[in-house]
PDB file of N, CA and C in Angstrom:
ATOM      1  N   UNK A   1       0.964  -1.165  -0.032  1.00  0.00           N
ATOM      2  CA  UNK A   1       0.061   0.073  -0.018  1.00  0.00           C
ATOM      3  C   UNK A   1       0.847   1.198   0.044  1.00  0.00           C
ATOM      4  N   UNK A   2       0.632   2.129  -0.744  1.00  0.00           N
ATOM      5  CA  UNK A   2       1.309   3.394  -0.825  1.00  0.00           C
ATOM      6  C   UNK A   2       0.511   4.601  -0.771  1.00  0.00           C
ATOM      7  N   UNK A   3       0.634   5.423   0.340  1.00  0.00           N
ATOM      8  CA  UNK A   3       0.063   6.772   0.542  1.00  0.00           C
ATOM      9  C   UNK A   3       1.077   7.679   0.732  1.00  0.00           C
ATOM     10  N   UNK A   4       0.811   8.863  -0.257  1.00  0.00           N
ATOM     11  CA  UNK A   4       1.880   9.913  -0.189  1.00  0.00           C
ATOM     12  C   UNK A   4       3.367   9.771  -0.101  1.00  0.00           C
ATOM     13  N   UNK A   5       3.795   8.815  -0.760  1.00  0.00           N
ATOM     14  CA  UNK A   5       5.229   8.573  -0.723  1.00  0.00           C
ATOM     15  C   UNK A   5       5.606   7.641   0.230  1.00  0.00           C
ATOM     16  N   UNK A   6       4.680   6.875   0.888  1.00  0.00           N
ATOM     17  CA  UNK A   6       5.231   6.161   2.003  1.00  0.00           C
ATOM     18  C   UNK A   6       4.785   4.922   1.611  1.00  0.00           C
ATOM     19  N   UNK A   7       5.774   3.861   1.671  1.00  0.00           N
ATOM     20  CA  UNK A   7       5.353   2.561   1.456  1.00  0.00           C
ATOM     21  C   UNK A   7       5.688   1.459   2.733  1.00  0.00           C
ATOM     22  N   UNK A   8       4.222   1.277   3.122  1.00  0.00           N
ATOM     23  CA  UNK A   8       4.263   0.543   4.402  1.00  0.00           C
ATOM     24  C   UNK A   8       4.730   1.277   5.426  1.00  0.00           C
ATOM     25  N   UNK A   9       4.872   0.840   6.741  1.00  0.00           N
ATOM     26  CA  UNK A   9       4.988   1.580   7.901  1.00  0.00           C
ATOM     27  C   UNK A   9       6.704   1.818   8.021  1.00  0.00           C
ATOM     28  N   UNK A  10       7.550   1.203   7.279  1.00  0.00           N
ATOM     29  CA  UNK A  10       9.050   1.652   7.657  1.00  0.00           C
ATOM     30  C   UNK A  10       9.603   2.219   6.529  1.00  0.00           C
ATOM     31  N   UNK A  11       8.976   2.330   5.280  1.00  0.00           N
ATOM     32  CA  UNK A  11       9.704   2.750   4.188  1.00  0.00           C
ATOM     33  C   UNK A  11       9.285   4.278   3.978  1.00  0.00           C
ATOM     34  N   UNK A  12      10.182   5.223   3.686  1.00  0.00           N
ATOM     35  CA  UNK A  12       9.885   6.499   3.249  1.00  0.00           C
ATOM     36  C   UNK A  12      10.463   6.704   1.928  1.00  0.00           C
ATOM     37  N   UNK A  13       9.648   7.148   0.884  1.00  0.00           N
ATOM     38  CA  UNK A  13      10.084   7.281  -0.522  1.00  0.00           C
ATOM     39  C   UNK A  13      10.650   8.798  -0.712  1.00  0.00           C
ATOM     40  N   UNK A  14      10.092   9.629  -0.074  1.00  0.00           N
ATOM     41  CA  UNK A  14      10.373  11.040  -0.327  1.00  0.00           C
ATOM     42  C   UNK A  14      10.846  11.595   1.139  1.00  0.00           C
ATOM     43  N   UNK A  15      11.591  12.549   1.171  1.00  0.00           N
ATOM     44  CA  UNK A  15      12.290  13.220   2.395  1.00  0.00           C
ATOM     45  C   UNK A  15      11.704  14.561   2.246  1.00  0.00           C
ATOM     46  N   UNK A  16      11.249  15.317   3.227  1.00  0.00           N
ATOM     47  CA  UNK A  16      11.021  16.541   3.415  1.00  0.00           C
ATOM     48  C   UNK A  16      11.985  17.470   4.244  1.00  0.00           C
ATOM     49  N   UNK A  17      12.280  18.565   3.730  1.00  0.00           N
ATOM     50  CA  UNK A  17      13.313  19.615   4.567  1.00  0.00           C
ATOM     51  C   UNK A  17      12.343  20.179   5.648  1.00  0.00           C
ATOM     52  N   UNK A  18      12.807  20.359   6.739  1.00  0.00           N
ATOM     53  CA  UNK A  18      12.002  21.253   7.783  1.00  0.00           C
ATOM     54  C   UNK A  18      12.768  22.603   7.688  1.00  0.00           C
ATOM     55  N   UNK A  19      12.118  23.641   7.492  1.00  0.00           N
ATOM     56  CA  UNK A  19      12.374  24.941   7.555  1.00  0.00           C
ATOM     57  C   UNK A  19      12.273  25.831   8.899  1.00  0.00           C
ATOM     58  N   UNK A  20      13.168  26.505   9.231  1.00  0.00           N
ATOM     59  CA  UNK A  20      12.839  27.265  10.682  1.00  0.00           C
ATOM     60  C   UNK A  20      11.580  28.259  10.066  1.00  0.00           C
ATOM     61  N   UNK A  21      11.086  28.944  11.168  1.00  0.00           N
ATOM     62  CA  UNK A  21      10.130  29.929  10.998  1.00  0.00           C
ATOM     63  C   UNK A  21      10.551  30.983  10.224  1.00  0.00           C
ATOM     64  N   UNK A  22      11.897  31.509  10.551  1.00  0.00           N
ATOM     65  CA  UNK A  22      12.507  32.647   9.887  1.00  0.00           C
ATOM     66  C   UNK A  22      12.715  32.391   8.354  1.00  0.00           C
ATOM     67  N   UNK A  23      12.267  33.162   7.428  1.00  0.00           N
ATOM     68  CA  UNK A  23      12.824  32.793   6.005  1.00  0.00           C
ATOM     69  C   UNK A  23      14.215  32.807   5.542  1.00  0.00           C
ATOM     70  N   UNK A  24      14.505  31.861   4.891  1.00  0.00           N
ATOM     71  CA  UNK A  24      15.993  31.701   4.424  1.00  0.00           C
ATOM     72  C   UNK A  24      17.079  31.571   5.382  1.00  0.00           C
ATOM     73  N   UNK A  25      16.564  31.254   6.644  1.00  0.00           N
ATOM     74  CA  UNK A  25      17.954  30.865   7.406  1.00  0.00           C
ATOM     75  C   UNK A  25      17.754  29.637   7.934  1.00  0.00           C
ATOM     76  N   UNK A  26      18.918  29.122   8.637  1.00  0.00           N
ATOM     77  CA  UNK A  26      18.995  27.739   9.025  1.00  0.00           C
ATOM     78  C   UNK A  26      18.714  28.024  10.486  1.00  0.00           C
ATOM     79  N   UNK A  27      18.391  26.994  11.364  1.00  0.00           N
ATOM     80  CA  UNK A  27      18.167  26.872  12.774  1.00  0.00           C
ATOM     81  C   UNK A  27      19.645  27.341  13.527  1.00  0.00           C
ATOM     82  N   UNK A  28      20.715  26.998  12.996  1.00  0.00           N
ATOM     83  CA  UNK A  28      22.009  27.160  13.703  1.00  0.00           C
ATOM     84  C   UNK A  28      22.270  28.726  13.339  1.00  0.00           C
ATOM     85  N   UNK A  29      21.646  29.367  12.231  1.00  0.00           N
ATOM     86  CA  UNK A  29      22.105  30.835  12.055  1.00  0.00           C
ATOM     87  C   UNK A  29      21.232  31.624  12.965  1.00  0.00           C
ATOM     88  N   UNK A  30      20.037  31.251  13.221  1.00  0.00           N
ATOM     89  CA  UNK A  30      18.997  31.955  13.954  1.00  0.00           C
ATOM     90  C   UNK A  30      19.262  31.730  15.537  1.00  0.00           C
ATOM     91  N   UNK A  31      19.815  30.541  15.979  1.00  0.00           N
ATOM     92  CA  UNK A  31      20.295  30.490  17.193  1.00  0.00           C
ATOM     93  C   UNK A  31      21.332  31.431  17.552  1.00  0.00           C
ATOM     94  N   UNK A  32      22.495  31.381  16.530  1.00  0.00           N
ATOM     95  CA  UNK A  32      23.527  32.387  16.663  1.00  0.00           C
ATOM     96  C   UNK A  32      23.260  33.707  16.603  1.00  0.00           C
ATOM     97  N   UNK A  33      22.439  34.178  15.725  1.00  0.00           N
ATOM     98  CA  UNK A  33      21.748  35.471  15.699  1.00  0.00           C
ATOM     99  C   UNK A  33      21.004  35.916  16.997  1.00  0.00           C
ATOM    100  N   UNK A  34      20.419  35.043  17.632  1.00  0.00           N
ATOM    101  CA  UNK A  34      19.671  35.441  18.956  1.00  0.00           C
ATOM    102  C   UNK A  34      20.851  35.389  19.982  1.00  0.00           C
ATOM    103  N   UNK A  35      21.712  34.526  20.173  1.00  0.00           N
ATOM    104  CA  UNK A  35      22.988  34.598  21.132  1.00  0.00           C
ATOM    105  C   UNK A  35      23.606  35.922  20.977  1.00  0.00           C
ATOM    106  N   UNK A  36      24.132  36.308  19.614  1.00  0.00           N
ATOM    107  CA  UNK A  36      24.728  37.681  19.309  1.00  0.00           C
ATOM    108  C   UNK A  36      23.896  38.846  19.985  1.00  0.00           C
ATOM    109  N   UNK A  37      22.499  39.009  19.833  1.00  0.00           N
ATOM    110  CA  UNK A  37      21.907  39.946  20.156  1.00  0.00           C
ATOM    111  C   UNK A  37      21.705  39.996  21.835  1.00  0.00           C
ATOM    112  N   UNK A  38      21.629  38.862  22.246  1.00  0.00           N
ATOM    113  CA  UNK A  38      21.611  38.662  23.749  1.00  0.00           C
ATOM    114  C   UNK A  38      22.888  39.293  24.408  1.00  0.00           C
ATOM    115  N   UNK A  39      23.755  38.823  23.626  1.00  0.00           N
ATOM    116  CA  UNK A  39      25.343  39.406  24.190  1.00  0.00           C
ATOM    117  C   UNK A  39      25.252  40.648  24.270  1.00  0.00           C
ATOM    118  N   UNK A  40      25.020  41.375  23.039  1.00  0.00           N
ATOM    119  CA  UNK A  40      25.056  42.773  22.715  1.00  0.00           C
ATOM    120  C   UNK A  40      24.182  43.334  23.786  1.00  0.00           C
ATOM    121  N   UNK A  41      22.957  42.910  24.459  1.00  0.00           N
ATOM    122  CA  UNK A  41      22.350  43.778  25.229  1.00  0.00           C
ATOM    123  C   UNK A  41      22.726  43.563  26.814  1.00  0.00           C
ATOM    124  N   UNK A  42      23.467  42.543  27.024  1.00  0.00           N
ATOM    125  CA  UNK A  42      23.773  42.261  28.240  1.00  0.00           C
ATOM    126  C   UNK A  42      25.034  42.955  28.714  1.00  0.00           C
ATOM    127  N   UNK A  43      24.905  44.001  29.500  1.00  0.00           N
ATOM    128  CA  UNK A  43      26.040  44.934  29.767  1.00  0.00           C
ATOM    129  C   UNK A  43      25.820  45.153  31.424  1.00  0.00           C
ATOM    130  N   UNK A  44      26.834  45.222  32.197  1.00  0.00           N
ATOM    131  CA  UNK A  44      26.918  45.711  33.414  1.00  0.00           C
ATOM    132  C   UNK A  44      27.981  46.609  33.750  1.00  0.00           C
ATOM    133  N   UNK A  45      27.640  47.543  34.408  1.00  0.00           N
ATOM    134  CA  UNK A  45      28.457  48.914  35.268  1.00  0.00           C
ATOM    135  C   UNK A  45      28.297  48.963  36.532  1.00  0.00           C
ATOM    136  N   UNK A  46      29.365  48.570  37.115  1.00  0.00           N
ATOM    137  CA  UNK A  46      29.524  48.416  38.543  1.00  0.00           C
ATOM    138  C   UNK A  46      30.511  49.457  39.006  1.00  0.00           C
ATOM    139  N   UNK A  47      29.947  50.519  39.717  1.00  0.00           N
ATOM    140  CA  UNK A  47      31.154  51.361  40.268  1.00  0.00           C
ATOM    141  C   UNK A  47      31.452  50.884  41.679  1.00  0.00           C
ATOM    142  N   UNK A  48      32.525  51.551  42.211  1.00  0.00           N
ATOM    143  CA  UNK A  48      33.142  51.114  43.487  1.00  0.00           C
ATOM    144  C   UNK A  48      32.205  51.421  44.435  1.00  0.00           C
ATOM    145  N   UNK A  49      31.590  52.509  44.306  1.00  0.00           N
ATOM    146  CA  UNK A  49      30.137  52.796  45.658  1.00  0.00           C
ATOM    147  C   UNK A  49      29.407  51.713  45.411  1.00  0.00           C
ATOM    148  N   UNK A  50      28.771  51.143  44.349  1.00  0.00           N
ATOM    149  CA  UNK A  50      27.592  50.122  44.309  1.00  0.00           C
ATOM    150  C   UNK A  50      28.415  48.631  44.864  1.00  0.00           C
ATOM    151  N   UNK A  51      29.539  48.536  44.580  1.00  0.00           N
ATOM    152  CA  UNK A  51      30.344  47.248  44.964  1.00  0.00           C
ATOM    153  C   UNK A  51      30.448  47.317  46.461  1.00  0.00           C
ATOM    154  N   UNK A  52      30.834  48.462  46.995  1.00  0.00           N
ATOM    155  CA  UNK A  52      30.919  48.485  48.414  1.00  0.00           C
ATOM    156  C   UNK A  52      29.313  48.640  49.401  1.00  0.00           C
ATOM    157  N   UNK A  53      28.255  49.074  48.519  1.00  0.00           N
ATOM    158  CA  UNK A  53      27.025  48.807  49.205  1.00  0.00           C
ATOM    159  C   UNK A  53      26.341  47.679  49.154  1.00  0.00           C
ATOM    160  N   UNK A  54      26.767  46.769  47.728  1.00  0.00           N
ATOM    161  CA  UNK A  54      26.463  45.587  47.857  1.00  0.00           C
ATOM    162  C   UNK A  54      27.102  44.593  49.078  1.00  0.00           C
ATOM    163  N   UNK A  55      28.247  44.564  49.150  1.00  0.00           N
ATOM    164  CA  UNK A  55      28.918  43.893  50.125  1.00  0.00           C
ATOM    165  C   UNK A  55      28.646  44.083  51.458  1.00  0.00           C
ATOM    166  N   UNK A  56      28.145  45.640  51.891  1.00  0.00           N
ATOM    167  CA  UNK A  56      27.539  45.819  53.003  1.00  0.00           C
ATOM    168  C   UNK A  56      26.230  45.070  53.241  1.00  0.00           C
ATOM    169  N   UNK A  57      25.352  45.447  52.333  1.00  0.00           N
ATOM    170  CA  UNK A  57      23.965  44.620  52.286  1.00  0.00           C
ATOM    171  C   UNK A  57      24.059  43.106  52.575  1.00  0.00           C
ATOM    172  N   UNK A  58      25.234  42.421  51.933  1.00  0.00           N
ATOM    173  CA  UNK A  58      25.374  40.826  52.102  1.00  0.00           C
ATOM    174  C   UNK A  58      25.626  40.582  53.409  1.00  0.00           C
ATOM    175  N   UNK A  59      26.551  41.481  54.116  1.00  0.00           N
ATOM    176  CA  UNK A  59      26.951  41.082  55.442  1.00  0.00           C
ATOM    177  C   UNK A  59      25.746  41.557  56.500  1.00  0.00           C
ATOM    178  N   UNK A  60      24.998  42.417  56.143  1.00  0.00           N
ATOM    179  CA  UNK A  60      23.734  42.698  56.926  1.00  0.00           C
ATOM    180  C   UNK A  60      22.873  41.595  56.803  1.00  0.00           C
ATOM    181  N   UNK A  61      22.508  41.061  55.535  1.00  0.00           N
ATOM    182  CA  UNK A  61      21.847  39.802  55.182  1.00  0.00           C
ATOM    183  C   UNK A  61      22.120  38.680  55.950  1.00  0.00           C
ATOM    184  N   UNK A  62      23.564  38.455  56.006  1.00  0.00           N
ATOM    185  CA  UNK A  62      24.233  37.345  56.631  1.00  0.00           C
ATOM    186  C   UNK A  62      23.777  37.401  58.049  1.00  0.00           C
ATOM    187  N   UNK A  63      24.293  38.618  58.659  1.00  0.00           N
ATOM    188  CA  UNK A  63      24.006  38.971  60.044  1.00  0.00           C
ATOM    189  C   UNK A  63      22.722  38.817  60.662  1.00  0.00           C
ATOM    190  N   UNK A  64      21.769  39.121  59.783  1.00  0.00           N
ATOM    191  CA  UNK A  64      20.102  38.805  60.140  1.00  0.00           C
ATOM    192  C   UNK A  64      19.886  37.287  60.073  1.00  0.00           C
ATOM    193  N   UNK A  65      20.538  36.658  59.266  1.00  0.00           N
ATOM    194  CA  UNK A  65      20.136  34.950  59.322  1.00  0.00           C
ATOM    195  C   UNK A  65      21.224  34.016  59.963  1.00  0.00           C
ATOM    196  N   UNK A  66      22.259  34.423  60.827  1.00  0.00           N
ATOM    197  CA  UNK A  66      23.168  33.489  61.253  1.00  0.00           C
ATOM    198  C   UNK A  66      23.029  33.340  62.516  1.00  0.00           C
ATOM    199  N   UNK A  67      22.118  33.766  63.102  1.00  0.00           N
ATOM    200  CA  UNK A  67      21.323  33.425  64.811  1.00  0.00           C
ATOM    201  C   UNK A  67      22.334  34.171  65.643  1.00  0.00           C
ATOM    202  N   UNK A  68      23.064  34.975  65.224  1.00  0.00           N
ATOM    203  CA  UNK A  68      23.812  35.910  66.329  1.00  0.00           C
ATOM    204  C   UNK A  68      23.211  37.458  66.575  1.00  0.00           C
ATOM    205  N   UNK A  69      23.009  37.555  67.407  1.00  0.00           N
ATOM    206  CA  UNK A  69      22.219  38.711  67.980  1.00  0.00           C
ATOM    207  C   UNK A  69      23.453  39.979  68.261  1.00  0.00           C
ATOM    208  N   UNK A  70      23.701  40.473  66.953  1.00  0.00           N
ATOM    209  CA  UNK A  70      24.872  41.494  67.129  1.00  0.00           C
ATOM    210  C   UNK A  70      24.491  42.631  67.885  1.00  0.00           C
ATOM    211  N   UNK A  71      23.377  42.945  68.090  1.00  0.00           N
ATOM    212  CA  UNK A  71      22.972  44.071  69.005  1.00  0.00           C
ATOM    213  C   UNK A  71      23.543  43.799  70.243  1.00  0.00           C
ATOM    214  N   UNK A  72      23.137  42.731  70.665  1.00  0.00           N
ATOM    215  CA  UNK A  72      23.412  42.044  72.180  1.00  0.00           C
ATOM    216  C   UNK A  72      24.811  41.897  72.465  1.00  0.00           C
ATOM    217  N   UNK A  73      25.709  41.391  71.509  1.00  0.00           N
ATOM    218  CA  UNK A  73      26.907  41.172  71.680  1.00  0.00           C
ATOM    219  C   UNK A  73      27.670  42.480  71.642  1.00  0.00           C
ATOM    220  N   UNK A  74      27.392  43.494  70.816  1.00  0.00           N
ATOM    221  CA  UNK A  74      27.983  44.651  71.035  1.00  0.00           C
ATOM    222  C   UNK A  74      27.630  45.430  72.351  1.00  0.00           C
ATOM    223  N   UNK A  75      26.524  45.384  72.770  1.00  0.00           N
ATOM    224  CA  UNK A  75      26.148  45.860  74.021  1.00  0.00           C
ATOM    225  C   UNK A  75      26.893  45.296  75.319  1.00  0.00           C
ATOM    226  N   UNK A  76      27.047  43.896  75.269  1.00  0.00           N
ATOM    227  CA  UNK A  76      27.834  43.373  76.443  1.00  0.00           C
ATOM    228  C   UNK A  76      29.496  43.490  76.344  1.00  0.00           C
ATOM    229  N   UNK A  77      29.704  43.727  75.144  1.00  0.00           N
ATOM    230  CA  UNK A  77      31.011  44.078  74.622  1.00  0.00           C
ATOM    231  C   UNK A  77      31.513  45.228  75.559  1.00  0.00           C
ATOM    232  N   UNK A  78      30.579  46.437  75.116  1.00  0.00           N
ATOM    233  CA  UNK A  78      30.650  47.717  75.683  1.00  0.00           C
ATOM    234  C   UNK A  78      30.459  47.754  77.154  1.00  0.00           C
ATOM    235  N   UNK A  79      29.969  47.141  77.767  1.00  0.00           N
ATOM    236  CA  UNK A  79      29.608  46.900  79.097  1.00  0.00           C
ATOM    237  C   UNK A  79      30.862  46.427  79.752  1.00  0.00           C
ATOM    238  N   UNK A  80      31.362  45.221  79.150  1.00  0.00           N
ATOM    239  CA  UNK A  80      32.689  44.834  79.797  1.00  0.00           C
ATOM    240  C   UNK A  80      33.996  45.729  79.700  1.00  0.00           C
ATOM    241  N   UNK A  81      34.021  46.398  78.611  1.00  0.00           N
ATOM    242  CA  UNK A  81      35.234  47.459  78.610  1.00  0.00           C
ATOM    243  C   UNK A  81      34.894  48.428  79.473  1.00  0.00           C
ATOM    244  N   UNK A  82      33.511  48.935  79.532  1.00  0.00           N
ATOM    245  CA  UNK A  82      33.331  49.994  80.947  1.00  0.00           C
ATOM    246  C   UNK A  82      33.414  49.507  82.212  1.00  0.00           C
ATOM    247  N   UNK A  83      33.642  48.217  82.389  1.00  0.00           N
ATOM    248  CA  UNK A  83      33.458  47.564  83.743  1.00  0.00           C
ATOM    249  C   UNK A  83      32.158  47.316  84.415  1.00  0.00           C
ATOM    250  N   UNK A  84      31.181  47.523  83.607  1.00  0.00           N
ATOM    251  CA  UNK A  84      29.643  47.449  84.146  1.00  0.00           C
ATOM    252  C   UNK A  84      28.836  46.251  84.083  1.00  0.00           C
ATOM    253  N   UNK A  85      29.672  45.170  83.454  1.00  0.00           N
ATOM    254  CA  UNK A  85      28.827  43.977  83.062  1.00  0.00           C
ATOM    255  C   UNK A  85      28.654  42.940  84.172  1.00  0.00           C
ATOM    256  N   UNK A  86      29.878  42.732  84.989  1.00  0.00           N
ATOM    257  CA  UNK A  86      29.943  41.736  85.908  1.00  0.00           C
ATOM    258  C   UNK A  86      29.499  42.784  87.410  1.00  0.00           C
ATOM    259  N   UNK A  87      28.110  42.171  87.584  1.00  0.00           N
ATOM    260  CA  UNK A  87      27.698  42.518  88.876  1.00  0.00           C
ATOM    261  C   UNK A  87      27.607  41.640  89.894  1.00  0.00           C
ATOM    262  N   UNK A  88      27.403  41.886  91.300  1.00  0.00           N
ATOM    263  CA  UNK A  88      27.374  40.966  92.438  1.00  0.00           C
ATOM    264  C   UNK A  88      26.291  39.965  92.120  1.00  0.00           C
ATOM    265  N   UNK A  89      25.048  40.335  91.719  1.00  0.00           N
ATOM    266  CA  UNK A  89      24.103  39.535  91.481  1.00  0.00           C
ATOM    267  C   UNK A  89      24.386  38.507  90.345  1.00  0.00           C
ATOM    268  N   UNK A  90      24.984  38.893  89.321  1.00  0.00           N
ATOM    269  CA  UNK A  90      25.556  37.981  88.310  1.00  0.00           C
ATOM    270  C   UNK A  90      26.515  37.020  88.913  1.00  0.00           C
ATOM    271  N   UNK A  91      27.483  37.337  89.545  1.00  0.00           N
ATOM    272  CA  UNK A  91      28.291  36.497  90.028  1.00  0.00           C
ATOM    273  C   UNK A  91      27.594  35.531  91.159  1.00  0.00           C
ATOM    274  N   UNK A  92      26.703  35.820  91.929  1.00  0.00           N
ATOM    275  CA  UNK A  92      25.908  35.053  92.599  1.00  0.00           C
ATOM    276  C   UNK A  92      25.363  33.762  91.891  1.00  0.00           C
ATOM    277  N   UNK A  93      24.693  34.411  90.859  1.00  0.00           N
ATOM    278  CA  UNK A  93      23.866  33.530  90.059  1.00  0.00           C
ATOM    279  C   UNK A  93      24.856  32.387  89.254  1.00  0.00           C
ATOM    280  N   UNK A  94      25.957  32.814  88.889  1.00  0.00           N
ATOM    281  CA  UNK A  94      27.085  32.178  88.392  1.00  0.00           C
ATOM    282  C   UNK A  94      27.858  30.993  89.230  1.00  0.00           C
ATOM    283  N   UNK A  95      27.943  31.240  90.572  1.00  0.00           N
ATOM    284  CA  UNK A  95      28.467  30.631  91.572  1.00  0.00           C
ATOM    285  C   UNK A  95      27.580  29.662  91.957  1.00  0.00           C
ATOM    286  N   UNK A  96      26.194  29.889  92.052  1.00  0.00           N
ATOM    287  CA  UNK A  96      25.349  29.022  92.528  1.00  0.00           C
ATOM    288  C   UNK A  96      25.167  28.163  91.353  1.00  0.00           C
ATOM    289  N   UNK A  97      25.296  28.233  90.239  1.00  0.00           N
ATOM    290  CA  UNK A  97      25.037  27.335  89.197  1.00  0.00           C
ATOM    291  C   UNK A  97      26.111  26.442  89.133  1.00  0.00           C
ATOM    292  N   UNK A  98      27.565  26.927  89.200  1.00  0.00           N
ATOM    293  CA  UNK A  98      28.736  25.906  89.177  1.00  0.00           C
ATOM    294  C   UNK A  98      28.694  25.399  90.308  1.00  0.00           C
ATOM    295  N   UNK A  99      28.274  25.438  91.703  1.00  0.00           N
ATOM    296  CA  UNK A  99      28.491  24.675  92.958  1.00  0.00           C
ATOM    297  C   UNK A  99      27.225  23.497  92.606  1.00  0.00           C
ATOM    298  N   UNK A 100      26.057  23.856  91.971  1.00  0.00           N
ATOM    299  CA  UNK A 100      24.963  22.808  91.492  1.00  0.00           C
ATOM    300  C   UNK A 100      25.437  21.870  90.688  1.00  0.00           C
ATOM    301  N   UNK A 101      26.294  22.202  89.630  1.00  0.00           N
ATOM    302  CA  UNK A 101      27.011  21.307  88.621  1.00  0.00           C
ATOM    303  C   UNK A 101      28.018  20.292  89.447  1.00  0.00           C
ATOM    304  N   UNK A 102      28.662  20.995  90.489  1.00  0.00           N
ATOM    305  CA  UNK A 102      29.557  20.160  90.962  1.00  0.00           C
ATOM    306  C   UNK A 102      29.132  19.035  92.019  1.00  0.00           C
ATOM    307  N   UNK A 103      27.794  19.549  92.659  1.00  0.00           N
ATOM    308  CA  UNK A 103      27.154  18.718  93.386  1.00  0.00           C
ATOM    309  C   UNK A 103      26.009  17.777  92.716  1.00  0.00           C
ATOM    310  N   UNK A 104      26.021  18.009  91.531  1.00  0.00           N
ATOM    311  CA  UNK A 104      25.317  16.955  90.721  1.00  0.00           C
ATOM    312  C   UNK A 104      23.943  17.213  90.656  1.00  0.00           C
ATOM    313  N   UNK A 105      23.460  18.402  91.048  1.00  0.00           N
ATOM    314  CA  UNK A 105      21.927  18.819  90.660  1.00  0.00           C
ATOM    315  C   UNK A 105      21.731  18.997  89.547  1.00  0.00           C
TER     316      UNK A 105
END
């Protein structure tokens, strides 16, 4: 049985050429043209100020997600430097906890 150039299910008597939607160009050429066009449009201009600002933003974002409470750390450091961090009450609590660990409570 022969239908439109096909003999049976496995034989093709005539081949057809597939054309790209663009007239007169091959697929390879159209892909290369699209790539060249994309490369021509993609440009980046980064100033030193923008780079520094981006680095600071990245540090701030990391600080916000790293679990460290930087405000508290800075406050405690300032209190230690000023000599106001260690109080009698804090020392009593620390000593009671230490004794409790030694006694096995």
